[in-house]
Amino acid sequence: MLMVRAIIRPQKVNEVISALLEAGFPSVTKMEVSGRGKQRGIEAGGIRYDEINKTMLMIVVEDKDKDDLIDIILRHARTQPKGHYGDGKIFVSRVDEAYTISTGTNTL
């Protein structure tokens, strides 16, 4: 199993979540986050913003579904056809164990 963390622009969240649901990925955890990438924030109108508001989506999928999931996120999180600076980042990591709290059982 893999955990995919996608940090995207807040205005793209509903589009991405709808596309994931339509493609058969109903489970998602959503968190409001803020931070900056290697650009160290942005400057707009003479004001410097060190941290930018984003939304992080966390999805756990089987290894075989990773490419489809990432493709959906990439297509729907972009703000322009070829993407734009600041559209976000996707991180993929292995999930070794997962437990259901109500039963205490390992679900992997």
Protein backbone atom coordinates (compact mmCIF):
# COMPACT_ATOMS: atom_id res chain seq x y z
CA MET A 1 0.00 0.00 0.00
CA LEU A 2 1.08 3.57 -0.64
CA MET A 3 0.17 6.90 0.87
CA VAL A 4 -0.11 9.75 -1.59
CA ARG A 5 0.03 13.27 -0.16
CA ALA A 6 -0.95 16.00 -2.59
CA ILE A 7 -0.44 19.62 -1.61
CA ILE A 8 -2.60 21.69 -3.93
CA ARG A 9 -4.18 25.12 -4.31
CA PRO A 10 -7.37 25.43 -2.20
CA GLN A 11 -9.44 26.52 -5.21
CA LYS A 12 -8.72 23.16 -6.93
CA VAL A 13 -9.73 20.91 -4.02
CA ASN A 14 -13.38 20.31 -5.00
CA GLU A 15 -12.43 19.52 -8.60
CA VAL A 16 -9.74 17.05 -7.52
CA ILE A 17 -11.93 15.33 -4.91
CA SER A 18 -14.82 15.01 -7.39
CA ALA A 19 -12.51 13.47 -10.00
CA LEU A 20 -11.10 11.03 -7.43
CA LEU A 21 -14.58 9.97 -6.35
CA GLU A 22 -15.70 9.49 -9.95
CA ALA A 23 -12.62 7.32 -10.62
CA GLY A 24 -13.32 5.06 -7.64
CA PHE A 25 -11.11 6.67 -4.99
CA PRO A 26 -13.69 7.73 -2.35
CA SER A 27 -11.41 7.78 0.70
CA VAL A 28 -9.48 10.99 1.30
CA THR A 29 -8.29 13.04 4.25
CA LYS A 30 -8.19 16.81 3.72
CA MET A 31 -6.18 19.31 5.77
CA GLU A 32 -5.65 23.03 5.45
CA VAL A 33 -1.90 23.70 5.53
CA SER A 34 0.46 26.58 4.88
CA GLY A 35 4.06 26.65 3.86
CA ARG A 36 6.46 27.53 1.11
CA GLY A 37 8.50 25.76 -1.50
CA LYS A 38 11.97 26.45 -2.76
CA GLN A 39 10.82 29.87 -4.00
CA ARG A 40 10.68 30.96 -0.31
CA GLY A 41 7.22 32.51 -0.58
CA ILE A 42 5.96 35.12 -3.02
CA GLU A 43 5.86 38.87 -3.39
CA ALA A 44 2.70 40.55 -4.64
CA GLY A 45 1.96 44.26 -4.69
CA GLY A 46 5.08 45.04 -2.69
CA ILE A 47 4.07 42.66 0.12
CA ARG A 48 6.07 39.52 0.85
CA TYR A 49 4.17 36.36 1.81
CA ASP A 50 6.46 33.80 3.46
CA GLU A 51 3.81 31.11 3.75
CA ILE A 52 1.12 30.28 1.23
CA ASN A 53 -2.21 28.63 2.10
CA LYS A 54 -2.64 25.22 0.49
CA THR A 55 -4.70 22.08 1.06
CA MET A 56 -3.16 18.66 1.62
CA LEU A 57 -5.04 15.57 0.48
CA MET A 58 -3.95 12.19 1.87
CA ILE A 59 -5.02 9.04 0.05
CA VAL A 60 -3.93 5.44 0.72
CA VAL A 61 -4.04 3.18 -2.34
CA GLU A 62 -2.81 -0.16 -3.54
CA ASP A 63 0.48 -0.03 -5.44
CA LYS A 64 -1.27 -0.90 -8.71
CA ASP A 65 -3.51 2.21 -8.45
CA LYS A 66 -0.73 4.74 -7.86
CA ASP A 67 -0.24 5.85 -11.47
CA ASP A 68 -3.98 6.35 -12.08
CA LEU A 69 -4.36 8.31 -8.85
CA ILE A 70 -1.41 10.57 -9.57
CA ASP A 71 -2.60 11.18 -13.12
CA ILE A 72 -6.02 12.30 -11.83
CA ILE A 73 -4.45 14.69 -9.31
CA LEU A 74 -2.05 16.14 -11.88
CA ARG A 75 -4.81 16.75 -14.44
CA HIS A 76 -7.27 18.33 -12.03
CA ALA A 77 -4.95 20.29 -9.72
CA ARG A 78 -3.25 22.26 -12.50
CA THR A 79 -4.38 25.84 -12.94
CA GLN A 80 -3.31 25.98 -16.61
CA PRO A 81 -3.05 23.27 -19.29
CA LYS A 82 0.71 22.89 -18.78
CA GLY A 83 0.62 23.79 -15.09
CA HIS A 84 1.77 26.90 -13.30
CA TYR A 85 4.33 27.74 -10.65
CA GLY A 86 2.79 27.08 -7.23
CA ASP A 87 0.24 24.46 -8.34
CA GLY A 88 1.58 22.09 -5.68
CA LYS A 89 3.49 18.89 -5.06
CA ILE A 90 2.74 15.17 -4.72
CA PHE A 91 4.60 12.88 -2.32
CA VAL A 92 4.37 9.07 -2.34
CA SER A 93 5.47 6.86 0.54
CA ARG A 94 5.05 3.27 1.60
CA VAL A 95 2.47 2.28 4.25
CA ASP A 96 3.71 -0.65 6.34
CA GLU A 97 0.82 -0.93 8.76
CA ALA A 98 -2.68 0.50 9.27
CA TYR A 99 -5.07 -0.15 12.13
CA THR A 100 -8.81 0.40 12.49
CA ILE A 101 -9.25 2.16 15.82
CA SER A 102 -12.68 0.70 16.64
CA THR A 103 -11.53 -2.92 16.29
CA GLY A 104 -7.79 -2.66 16.74
CA THR A 105 -7.26 -4.85 13.70
CA ASN A 106 -4.50 -4.39 11.15
CA THR A 107 -6.25 -3.54 7.89
CA LEU A 108 -3.39 -4.30 5.50
